[in-house]
C-alpha atoms as a PDB file:
ATOM      1  CA  UNK A   1      79.619 161.937 103.126  1.00  0.00           C
ATOM      2  CA  UNK A   2      76.546 159.823 102.587  1.00  0.00           C
ATOM      3  CA  UNK A   3      75.764 160.997  99.015  1.00  0.00           C
ATOM      4  CA  UNK A   4      79.145 160.147  97.670  1.00  0.00           C
ATOM      5  CA  UNK A   5      79.691 156.282  98.355  1.00  0.00           C
ATOM      6  CA  UNK A   6      81.631 154.691  95.792  1.00  0.00           C
ATOM      7  CA  UNK A   7      81.526 150.884  94.763  1.00  0.00           C
ATOM      8  CA  UNK A   8      84.465 148.914  96.315  1.00  0.00           C
ATOM      9  CA  UNK A   9      86.609 147.685  93.447  1.00  0.00           C
ATOM     10  CA  UNK A  10      88.079 144.090  93.958  1.00  0.00           C
ATOM     11  CA  UNK A  11      91.940 144.352  93.436  1.00  0.00           C
ATOM     12  CA  UNK A  12      92.601 140.398  93.815  1.00  0.00           C
ATOM     13  CA  UNK A  13      92.310 137.651  91.447  1.00  0.00           C
ATOM     14  CA  UNK A  14      88.585 137.968  90.856  1.00  0.00           C
ATOM     15  CA  UNK A  15      89.078 140.687  87.986  1.00  0.00           C
ATOM     16  CA  UNK A  16      91.555 138.505  86.384  1.00  0.00           C
ATOM     17  CA  UNK A  17      90.370 136.643  83.156  1.00  0.00           C
ATOM     18  CA  UNK A  18      89.520 132.929  83.587  1.00  0.00           C
ATOM     19  CA  UNK A  19      88.658 133.374  87.209  1.00  0.00           C
ATOM     20  CA  UNK A  20      84.999 131.743  86.557  1.00  0.00           C
ATOM     21  CA  UNK A  21      86.729 128.595  84.725  1.00  0.00           C
ATOM     22  CA  UNK A  22      88.945 128.080  87.795  1.00  0.00           C
ATOM     23  CA  UNK A  23      86.242 128.370  90.251  1.00  0.00           C
ATOM     24  CA  UNK A  24      84.096 126.156  88.039  1.00  0.00           C
ATOM     25  CA  UNK A  25      87.010 123.534  88.140  1.00  0.00           C
ATOM     26  CA  UNK A  26      87.596 123.794  91.773  1.00  0.00           C
ATOM     27  CA  UNK A  27      83.700 123.334  92.383  1.00  0.00           C
ATOM     28  CA  UNK A  28      83.536 120.332  89.803  1.00  0.00           C
ATOM     29  CA  UNK A  29      86.303 118.791  91.835  1.00  0.00           C
ATOM     30  CA  UNK A  30      84.745 119.038  95.231  1.00  0.00           C
ATOM     31  CA  UNK A  31      81.568 117.663  93.713  1.00  0.00           C
ATOM     32  CA  UNK A  32      83.642 114.582  92.229  1.00  0.00           C
ATOM     33  CA  UNK A  33      85.380 114.016  95.442  1.00  0.00           C
ATOM     34  CA  UNK A  34      81.947 113.838  97.234  1.00  0.00           C
ATOM     35  CA  UNK A  35      80.368 111.534  95.037  1.00  0.00           C
ATOM     36  CA  UNK A  36      83.192 109.046  94.869  1.00  0.00           C
ATOM     37  CA  UNK A  37      82.613 108.261  98.248  1.00  0.00           C
ATOM     38  CA  UNK A  38      79.244 106.894  97.193  1.00  0.00           C
ATOM     39  CA  UNK A  39      80.715 104.931  94.410  1.00  0.00           C
ATOM     40  CA  UNK A  40      80.480 101.559  96.249  1.00  0.00           C
ATOM     41  CA  UNK A  41      78.081 100.531  98.850  1.00  0.00           C
ATOM     42  CA  UNK A  42      77.655  97.471 101.053  1.00  0.00           C
ATOM     43  CA  UNK A  43      74.012  96.784 102.345  1.00  0.00           C
ATOM     44  CA  UNK A  44      72.504  94.168 104.558  1.00  0.00           C
ATOM     45  CA  UNK A  45      75.623  92.368 105.395  1.00  0.00           C
ATOM     46  CA  UNK A  46      75.132  89.528 107.932  1.00  0.00           C
ATOM     47  CA  UNK A  47      76.546  86.052 109.238  1.00  0.00           C
ATOM     48  CA  UNK A  48      74.881  83.128 110.938  1.00  0.00           C
ATOM     49  CA  UNK A  49      75.535  82.466 114.721  1.00  0.00           C
ATOM     50  CA  UNK A  50      78.587  80.033 115.085  1.00  0.00           C
ATOM     51  CA  UNK A  51      79.259  78.267 118.248  1.00  0.00           C
ATOM     52  CA  UNK A  52      82.677  77.639 119.704  1.00  0.00           C
ATOM     53  CA  UNK A  53      82.931  74.071 118.001  1.00  0.00           C
ATOM     54  CA  UNK A  54      82.744  75.647 114.343  1.00  0.00           C
ATOM     55  CA  UNK A  55      86.048  77.159 113.154  1.00  0.00           C
ATOM     56  CA  UNK A  56      84.868  78.916 110.141  1.00  0.00           C
ATOM     57  CA  UNK A  57      82.202  81.398 109.258  1.00  0.00           C
ATOM     58  CA  UNK A  58      80.686  82.878 105.995  1.00  0.00           C
ATOM     59  CA  UNK A  59      79.257  86.613 105.632  1.00  0.00           C
ATOM     60  CA  UNK A  60      76.791  87.660 103.032  1.00  0.00           C
ATOM     61  CA  UNK A  61      75.127  90.805 101.907  1.00  0.00           C
ATOM     62  CA  UNK A  62      74.674  93.004  98.791  1.00  0.00           C
ATOM     63  CA  UNK A  63      77.566  95.147  97.183  1.00  0.00           C
ATOM     64  CA  UNK A  64      76.459  97.891  94.874  1.00  0.00           C
ATOM     65  CA  UNK A  65      78.870  99.635  92.239  1.00  0.00           C
ATOM     66  CA  UNK A  66      77.225 103.158  91.578  1.00  0.00           C
ATOM     67  CA  UNK A  67      80.513 104.202  89.590  1.00  0.00           C
ATOM     68  CA  UNK A  68      80.684 104.198  85.661  1.00  0.00           C
ATOM     69  CA  UNK A  69      83.858 102.113  86.030  1.00  0.00           C
ATOM     70  CA  UNK A  70      84.273  98.151  86.628  1.00  0.00           C
ATOM     71  CA  UNK A  71      85.215  97.565  90.389  1.00  0.00           C
ATOM     72  CA  UNK A  72      86.733  94.408  91.805  1.00  0.00           C
ATOM     73  CA  UNK A  73      86.462  93.245  95.455  1.00  0.00           C
ATOM     74  CA  UNK A  74      89.695  91.930  95.890  1.00  0.00           C
ATOM     75  CA  UNK A  75      89.977  91.174  99.612  1.00  0.00           C
ATOM     76  CA  UNK A  76      88.322  91.438 103.021  1.00  0.00           C
ATOM     77  CA  UNK A  77      89.530  91.640 106.491  1.00  0.00           C
ATOM     78  CA  UNK A  78      87.858  90.530 109.597  1.00  0.00           C
ATOM     79  CA  UNK A  79      89.533  90.988 112.841  1.00  0.00           C
ATOM     80  CA  UNK A  80      88.206  87.875 114.722  1.00  0.00           C
ATOM     81  CA  UNK A  81      89.374  85.500 111.742  1.00  0.00           C
ATOM     82  CA  UNK A  82      92.936  83.960 111.504  1.00  0.00           C
ATOM     83  CA  UNK A  83      92.432  84.382 107.528  1.00  0.00           C
ATOM     84  CA  UNK A  84      89.599  86.001 105.378  1.00  0.00           C
ATOM     85  CA  UNK A  85      89.112  84.883 101.870  1.00  0.00           C
ATOM     86  CA  UNK A  86      86.782  85.337  99.156  1.00  0.00           C
ATOM     87  CA  UNK A  87      84.847  82.113  97.959  1.00  0.00           C
ATOM     88  CA  UNK A  88      82.286  80.882  95.684  1.00  0.00           C
ATOM     89  CA  UNK A  89      80.230  77.689  96.342  1.00  0.00           C
ATOM     90  CA  UNK A  90      79.190  75.686  93.223  1.00  0.00           C
ATOM     91  CA  UNK A  91      76.841  72.593  92.422  1.00  0.00           C
ATOM     92  CA  UNK A  92      78.412  70.028  90.058  1.00  0.00           C
ATOM     93  CA  UNK A  93      76.817  67.862  87.557  1.00  0.00           C
ATOM     94  CA  UNK A  94      76.458  65.144  90.410  1.00  0.00           C
ATOM     95  CA  UNK A  95      74.688  67.594  92.594  1.00  0.00           C
ATOM     96  CA  UNK A  96      77.646  68.111  94.953  1.00  0.00           C
ATOM     97  CA  UNK A  97      78.184  71.373  96.617  1.00  0.00           C
ATOM     98  CA  UNK A  98      82.117  72.457  96.683  1.00  0.00           C
ATOM     99  CA  UNK A  99      83.538  75.564  97.570  1.00  0.00           C
ATOM    100  CA  UNK A 100      86.663  77.434  95.934  1.00  0.00           C
ATOM    101  CA  UNK A 101      88.599  80.348  96.637  1.00  0.00           C
ATOM    102  CA  UNK A 102      88.240  83.221  94.125  1.00  0.00           C
ATOM    103  CA  UNK A 103      90.848  85.992  93.593  1.00  0.00           C
ATOM    104  CA  UNK A 104      88.358  88.718  93.118  1.00  0.00           C
ATOM    105  CA  UNK A 105      84.717  89.411  92.751  1.00  0.00           C
ATOM    106  CA  UNK A 106      83.775  91.707  89.646  1.00  0.00           C
ATOM    107  CA  UNK A 107      81.135  94.066  90.064  1.00  0.00           C
ATOM    108  CA  UNK A 108      80.042  95.748  86.815  1.00  0.00           C
ATOM    109  CA  UNK A 109      79.318  99.525  86.682  1.00  0.00           C
ATOM    110  CA  UNK A 110      75.946 100.535  87.678  1.00  0.00           C
ATOM    111  CA  UNK A 111      75.345  96.829  88.835  1.00  0.00           C
ATOM    112  CA  UNK A 112      75.170  94.798  92.359  1.00  0.00           C
ATOM    113  CA  UNK A 113      76.417  91.487  93.251  1.00  0.00           C
ATOM    114  CA  UNK A 114      74.940  89.133  95.929  1.00  0.00           C
ATOM    115  CA  UNK A 115      77.107  87.623  98.657  1.00  0.00           C
ATOM    116  CA  UNK A 116      74.780  84.425  99.356  1.00  0.00           C
ATOM    117  CA  UNK A 117      74.798  80.918 100.873  1.00  0.00           C
ATOM    118  CA  UNK A 118      75.476  78.514  97.912  1.00  0.00           C
ATOM    119  CA  UNK A 119      77.178  81.386  95.885  1.00  0.00           C
ATOM    120  CA  UNK A 120      79.699  84.083  96.523  1.00  0.00           C
ATOM    121  CA  UNK A 121      80.642  84.848  99.894  1.00  0.00           C
ATOM    122  CA  UNK A 122      83.243  86.020 102.538  1.00  0.00           C
ATOM    123  CA  UNK A 123      84.947  83.116 104.138  1.00  0.00           C
ATOM    124  CA  UNK A 124      86.148  83.600 108.017  1.00  0.00           C
ATOM    125  CA  UNK A 125      88.678  80.766 108.496  1.00  0.00           C
ATOM    126  CA  UNK A 126      90.031  80.174 111.823  1.00  0.00           C
ATOM    127  CA  UNK A 127      87.373  82.107 113.655  1.00  0.00           C
ATOM    128  CA  UNK A 128      88.726  83.479 117.061  1.00  0.00           C
ATOM    129  CA  UNK A 129      85.577  84.487 118.722  1.00  0.00           C
ATOM    130  CA  UNK A 130      82.070  83.107 119.123  1.00  0.00           C
ATOM    131  CA  UNK A 131      79.414  84.748 116.964  1.00  0.00           C
ATOM    132  CA  UNK A 132      76.276  85.413 118.655  1.00  0.00           C
ATOM    133  CA  UNK A 133      72.706  86.802 117.355  1.00  0.00           C
ATOM    134  CA  UNK A 134      72.935  90.650 117.391  1.00  0.00           C
ATOM    135  CA  UNK A 135      76.619  90.639 117.441  1.00  0.00           C
ATOM    136  CA  UNK A 136      78.036  93.459 114.967  1.00  0.00           C
ATOM    137  CA  UNK A 137      81.392  92.381 113.170  1.00  0.00           C
ATOM    138  CA  UNK A 138      83.464  95.024 111.653  1.00  0.00           C
ATOM    139  CA  UNK A 139      84.544  94.033 108.186  1.00  0.00           C
ATOM    140  CA  UNK A 140      87.227  96.039 105.968  1.00  0.00           C
ATOM    141  CA  UNK A 141      86.243  95.416 102.099  1.00  0.00           C
ATOM    142  CA  UNK A 142      89.242  96.111  99.890  1.00  0.00           C
ATOM    143  CA  UNK A 143      88.423  97.247  96.185  1.00  0.00           C
ATOM    144  CA  UNK A 144      90.928  97.530  93.412  1.00  0.00           C
ATOM    145  CA  UNK A 145      90.064 101.153  92.538  1.00  0.00           C
ATOM    146  CA  UNK A 146      87.823 102.544  95.412  1.00  0.00           C
ATOM    147  CA  UNK A 147      89.987 101.396  98.168  1.00  0.00           C
ATOM    148  CA  UNK A 148      88.779 100.278 101.528  1.00  0.00           C
ATOM    149  CA  UNK A 149      85.212 100.218 102.873  1.00  0.00           C
ATOM    150  CA  UNK A 150      84.316  99.828 106.437  1.00  0.00           C
ATOM    151  CA  UNK A 151      81.176  98.094 107.203  1.00  0.00           C
ATOM    152  CA  UNK A 152      79.383  95.921 109.883  1.00  0.00           C
ATOM    153  CA  UNK A 153      77.856  92.757 109.464  1.00  0.00           C
ATOM    154  CA  UNK A 154      74.989  91.518 111.884  1.00  0.00           C
ATOM    155  CA  UNK A 155      74.983  88.017 113.188  1.00  0.00           C
ATOM    156  CA  UNK A 156      71.495  86.727 112.942  1.00  0.00           C
ATOM    157  CA  UNK A 157      69.285  83.530 112.435  1.00  0.00           C
ATOM    158  CA  UNK A 158      68.466  83.090 108.918  1.00  0.00           C
END
């Protein structure tokens, strides 16, 4: 009977009170999960070419905290390095440059930090391979809240 078609009735959970609120909560969780993957970004990571005679190297770049919470870079891992540390170079009152190990690099919410020569940087100690122009070096950045971010640094003359 074509003229007597009835509308289907949903007999599942959609007719229960509060289903819209639960759906909205689920969609919100999915959106938060997607947004959190962009909370921290690292751009323009690079290092200088380093011949076999040099045992150390440094890596630089920009790290942005897009989130609403303070974040801390607490470690870095570079496979070709015997040891990887976070460092800060400073110039004292006698114009002598020195370098110190730092436990963490703080990145305030909505801000960025520069890893640069003469300042904060990632130090590769006991380098196990040459760094030639054009090489891409994988680096794992470990953050206190965000977790690990895998990036690559380009070796280039600068």
